[in-house]
Amino acid sequence: QDVLTALWNRNALEDYVKELISKQEKFSLIFLDFNEFKMVNDTYGHSTGDRLLKAFSQKAMGISDIEFVARIGGDEFLLVCKNPDEKLDAALHQLTQSCAEPIIEKPSVRAKFSTGVVTYPTHGENYEDLFRRVDLAMYHAKRSGLKEAFLFQESLEKEILKLGWLEENFQPALDRDEFFILLQPKFCVSTNALCGSEALVRWKSSVKGSMVFPDEFIPF
């Protein structure tokens, strides 16, 4: 068990989820990651951060539609909801409502978090895939500033694979001089005379054997 909160730890979570999978029981994983938790520690001290984590743990364990609560990292929690077709919406609502007001006083601090959700077997048939995808869903919610829970979508995995490919191949492409400039002429509307040009960067990838379009690599 987790020493600070007395919740189950990551190993216990894995065992529990694998047992549900072996029984082919439908369930959802709810991944919660606190927002601004570092600011709480920096502003009020780590003892206040610990109080916040323990208070939230008590709130989470009191939600009737949640069967299992684990603390898997510093400010990361994973909850299991069985029979999600009937219980998931209610569980998420209870979770939000339970933290609508400050959960500790002196100082008064609310529990703010980003939430990702996956469901077995829709989003994966083994523990590793489910955990990876609920993690992706949670980080999407955090990056997007979503206040509501985000249900995993396959497009997230495609985005991560694309970013991974760019991270692996961008610097080597620079080293191989695969980027080049095209000049697009600009003409004056009134005189039709050439008045300049616009520089456009292009990437011909030797790995892909084709062009990588600017809207793919410039945001990277």
Protein backbone atom coordinates (compact mmCIF):
# COMPACT_ATOMS: atom_id res chain seq x y z
CA GLN A 1 0.00 0.00 0.00
CA ASP A 2 0.94 3.67 -0.41
CA VAL A 3 2.55 4.91 2.81
CA LEU A 4 1.19 8.47 2.74
CA THR A 5 -2.44 7.87 1.77
CA ALA A 6 -2.98 4.20 2.73
CA LEU A 7 -4.36 3.66 -0.79
CA TRP A 8 -3.34 0.76 -2.99
CA ASN A 9 -0.12 1.26 -4.94
CA ARG A 10 0.73 0.71 -8.60
CA ASN A 11 1.59 -2.97 -8.19
CA ALA A 12 -1.73 -3.68 -6.47
CA LEU A 13 -3.54 -1.79 -9.24
CA GLU A 14 -1.89 -3.91 -11.92
CA ASP A 15 -2.83 -7.13 -10.12
CA TYR A 16 -6.43 -5.96 -9.69
CA VAL A 17 -6.85 -4.90 -13.32
CA LYS A 18 -5.32 -8.11 -14.63
CA GLU A 19 -7.73 -10.09 -12.46
CA LEU A 20 -10.70 -8.19 -13.94
CA ILE A 21 -9.37 -8.83 -17.44
CA SER A 22 -8.98 -12.55 -16.70
CA LYS A 23 -12.66 -12.59 -15.72
CA GLN A 24 -13.56 -10.49 -18.79
CA GLU A 25 -15.36 -7.95 -16.60
CA LYS A 26 -16.03 -4.64 -18.28
CA PHE A 27 -14.53 -1.67 -16.42
CA SER A 28 -13.14 1.83 -16.87
CA LEU A 29 -9.85 3.28 -15.67
CA ILE A 30 -9.95 6.90 -14.53
CA PHE A 31 -6.54 8.60 -14.42
CA LEU A 32 -6.34 11.78 -12.31
CA ASP A 33 -3.35 14.10 -12.23
CA PHE A 34 -3.44 17.19 -10.01
CA ASN A 35 -3.09 20.60 -11.63
CA GLU A 36 -0.87 23.21 -9.97
CA PHE A 37 0.22 20.75 -7.30
CA LYS A 38 3.81 22.03 -7.42
CA MET A 39 2.48 25.53 -6.76
CA VAL A 40 0.69 24.23 -3.65
CA ASN A 41 3.95 22.72 -2.39
CA ASP A 42 5.97 25.81 -3.26
CA THR A 43 3.45 28.24 -1.76
CA TYR A 44 2.30 26.44 1.38
CA GLY A 45 4.93 23.75 1.89
CA HIS A 46 5.08 20.00 1.30
CA SER A 47 3.14 19.24 4.47
CA THR A 48 0.14 21.06 2.96
CA GLY A 49 0.61 19.13 -0.28
CA ASP A 50 0.58 15.90 1.72
CA ARG A 51 -2.62 16.98 3.52
CA LEU A 52 -4.23 17.70 0.14
CA LEU A 53 -3.31 14.24 -1.19
CA LYS A 54 -4.64 12.51 1.92
CA ALA A 55 -7.88 14.52 1.89
CA PHE A 56 -8.45 13.73 -1.78
CA SER A 57 -7.79 10.05 -1.14
CA GLN A 58 -10.56 10.01 1.46
CA LYS A 59 -12.92 11.73 -0.97
CA ALA A 60 -12.13 9.25 -3.75
CA MET A 61 -12.63 6.23 -1.49
CA GLY A 62 -16.03 7.58 -0.49
CA ILE A 63 -17.42 7.53 -4.03
CA SER A 64 -19.92 4.71 -4.20
CA ASP A 65 -19.43 3.89 -7.89
CA ILE A 66 -15.64 3.52 -7.59
CA GLU A 67 -14.43 0.02 -6.72
CA PHE A 68 -10.68 0.61 -6.44
CA VAL A 69 -8.45 3.64 -5.78
CA ALA A 70 -4.66 3.66 -6.19
CA ARG A 71 -1.99 6.31 -5.87
CA ILE A 72 0.53 5.54 -8.61
CA GLY A 73 2.81 8.57 -8.35
CA GLY A 74 3.39 11.84 -6.53
CA ASP A 75 0.07 13.47 -7.46
CA GLU A 76 -1.33 10.80 -9.77
CA PHE A 77 -4.26 8.54 -8.95
CA LEU A 78 -5.95 5.72 -10.84
CA LEU A 79 -9.52 4.70 -10.09
CA VAL A 80 -11.43 1.66 -11.30
CA CYS A 81 -15.14 1.79 -12.11
CA LYS A 82 -16.85 -1.52 -12.88
CA ASN A 83 -20.00 -1.68 -15.00
CA PRO A 84 -19.12 1.67 -16.63
CA ASP A 85 -22.16 1.70 -18.92
CA GLU A 86 -24.25 2.18 -15.79
CA LYS A 87 -21.83 3.81 -13.34
CA LEU A 88 -19.10 5.82 -15.11
CA ASP A 89 -20.99 9.07 -15.63
CA ALA A 90 -22.23 9.03 -12.05
CA ALA A 91 -18.74 8.27 -10.72
CA LEU A 92 -17.20 11.17 -12.63
CA HIS A 93 -19.96 13.48 -11.47
CA GLN A 94 -19.50 12.42 -7.84
CA LEU A 95 -15.77 12.93 -8.18
CA THR A 96 -16.19 16.47 -9.51
CA GLN A 97 -18.81 17.38 -6.92
CA SER A 98 -16.78 16.01 -4.02
CA CYS A 99 -13.96 18.41 -4.89
CA ALA A 100 -16.06 21.44 -5.84
CA GLU A 101 -15.27 23.07 -2.49
CA PRO A 102 -11.88 23.31 -0.74
CA ILE A 103 -10.98 19.91 0.68
CA ILE A 104 -8.52 21.27 3.25
CA GLU A 105 -8.59 24.45 5.33
CA LYS A 106 -5.90 26.73 6.75
CA PRO A 107 -4.91 27.20 4.00
CA SER A 108 -8.05 26.70 1.93
CA VAL A 109 -7.11 24.58 -1.11
CA ARG A 110 -9.24 22.95 -3.80
CA ALA A 111 -8.32 19.73 -5.58
CA LYS A 112 -7.94 20.58 -9.26
CA PHE A 113 -7.07 17.80 -11.65
CA SER A 114 -6.98 16.62 -15.24
CA THR A 115 -8.77 13.37 -16.02
CA GLY A 116 -8.39 10.69 -18.68
CA VAL A 117 -10.62 7.65 -19.13
CA VAL A 118 -10.38 4.31 -20.96
CA THR A 119 -12.73 1.35 -20.96
CA TYR A 120 -11.93 -2.36 -21.21
CA PRO A 121 -12.15 -3.97 -23.72
CA THR A 122 -12.96 -1.04 -26.06
CA HIS A 123 -9.62 0.73 -25.62
CA GLY A 124 -7.37 -2.23 -24.98
CA GLU A 125 -7.37 -5.88 -24.04
CA ASN A 126 -4.37 -5.93 -21.71
CA TYR A 127 -3.12 -3.87 -18.77
CA GLU A 128 -0.20 -2.28 -20.61
CA ASP A 129 -2.30 -0.91 -23.48
CA LEU A 130 -5.01 0.35 -21.14
CA PHE A 131 -2.51 2.10 -18.87
CA ARG A 132 -0.65 3.71 -21.77
CA ARG A 133 -3.86 4.96 -23.37
CA VAL A 134 -5.43 6.33 -20.19
CA ASP A 135 -2.14 8.16 -19.62
CA LEU A 136 -2.41 9.68 -23.12
CA ALA A 137 -6.02 10.70 -22.48
CA MET A 138 -5.11 12.39 -19.20
CA TYR A 139 -2.22 14.34 -20.72
CA HIS A 140 -4.44 15.45 -23.58
CA ALA A 141 -6.91 16.79 -21.03
CA LYS A 142 -4.07 18.58 -19.20
CA ARG A 143 -2.55 20.11 -22.36
CA SER A 144 -5.96 21.22 -23.57
CA GLY A 145 -6.99 22.68 -20.22
CA LEU A 146 -10.12 20.54 -20.15
CA LYS A 147 -12.20 20.69 -16.98
CA GLU A 148 -14.15 17.55 -17.81
CA ALA A 149 -12.82 14.01 -18.19
CA PHE A 150 -11.48 13.07 -21.62
CA LEU A 151 -12.27 9.66 -23.09
CA PHE A 152 -9.39 8.15 -25.07
CA GLN A 153 -9.51 8.48 -28.86
CA GLU A 154 -7.38 6.59 -31.39
CA SER A 155 -6.26 9.88 -32.95
CA LEU A 156 -4.20 10.51 -29.79
CA GLU A 157 -2.00 7.50 -30.50
CA LYS A 158 -1.48 8.59 -34.10
CA GLU A 159 -0.45 12.04 -32.88
CA ILE A 160 2.05 10.56 -30.41
CA LEU A 161 3.51 8.27 -33.08
CA LYS A 162 3.90 11.25 -35.42
CA LEU A 163 5.61 13.33 -32.73
CA GLY A 164 7.88 10.41 -31.91
CA TRP A 165 8.86 10.06 -35.58
CA LEU A 166 9.61 13.79 -35.81
CA GLU A 167 11.68 13.73 -32.63
CA GLU A 168 13.70 10.79 -33.94
CA ASN A 169 14.24 12.12 -37.46
CA PHE A 170 14.28 15.93 -37.27
CA GLN A 171 17.89 16.47 -36.16
CA PRO A 172 19.30 13.75 -38.48
CA ALA A 173 17.42 15.43 -41.36
CA LEU A 174 19.14 18.73 -40.51
CA ASP A 175 22.49 16.95 -40.43
CA ARG A 176 21.80 15.45 -43.88
CA ASP A 177 20.74 18.84 -45.34
CA GLU A 178 17.30 17.54 -46.25
CA PHE A 179 15.69 20.95 -45.72
CA PHE A 180 15.69 23.43 -48.57
CA ILE A 181 14.18 26.78 -49.46
CA LEU A 182 11.75 27.60 -52.26
CA LEU A 183 11.20 31.23 -53.21
CA GLN A 184 7.63 32.19 -54.11
CA PRO A 185 7.46 35.46 -56.07
CA LYS A 186 5.28 38.33 -54.85
CA PHE A 187 3.78 40.79 -57.32
CA CYS A 188 2.41 44.29 -56.81
CA VAL A 189 -1.35 44.25 -57.38
CA SER A 190 -1.51 47.70 -59.04
CA THR A 191 1.51 47.41 -61.37
CA ASN A 192 1.87 43.64 -61.68
CA ALA A 193 5.59 44.15 -61.09
CA LEU A 194 7.71 41.74 -59.10
CA CYS A 195 8.14 43.28 -55.63
CA GLY A 196 9.74 40.53 -53.62
CA SER A 197 9.53 36.88 -52.70
CA GLU A 198 8.46 34.66 -49.84
CA ALA A 199 10.82 31.99 -48.54
CA LEU A 200 9.18 28.59 -48.00
CA VAL A 201 11.02 25.81 -46.18
CA ARG A 202 10.55 22.26 -47.42
CA TRP A 203 11.74 18.86 -46.16
CA LYS A 204 12.43 15.93 -48.46
CA SER A 205 12.89 13.02 -46.07
CA SER A 206 15.24 10.24 -47.11
CA VAL A 207 13.62 8.03 -44.44
CA LYS A 208 10.07 8.47 -45.73
CA GLY A 209 11.18 8.79 -49.34
CA SER A 210 8.78 11.70 -49.77
CA MET A 211 8.09 15.27 -48.68
CA VAL A 212 7.17 16.11 -45.09
CA PHE A 213 4.76 19.01 -45.25
CA PRO A 214 5.43 22.21 -43.24
CA ASP A 215 2.24 21.90 -41.19
CA GLU A 216 3.69 18.63 -39.82
CA PHE A 217 7.18 19.75 -38.79
CA ILE A 218 6.95 23.53 -38.19
CA PRO A 219 4.70 23.20 -35.09
CA PHE A 220 7.19 20.61 -33.79
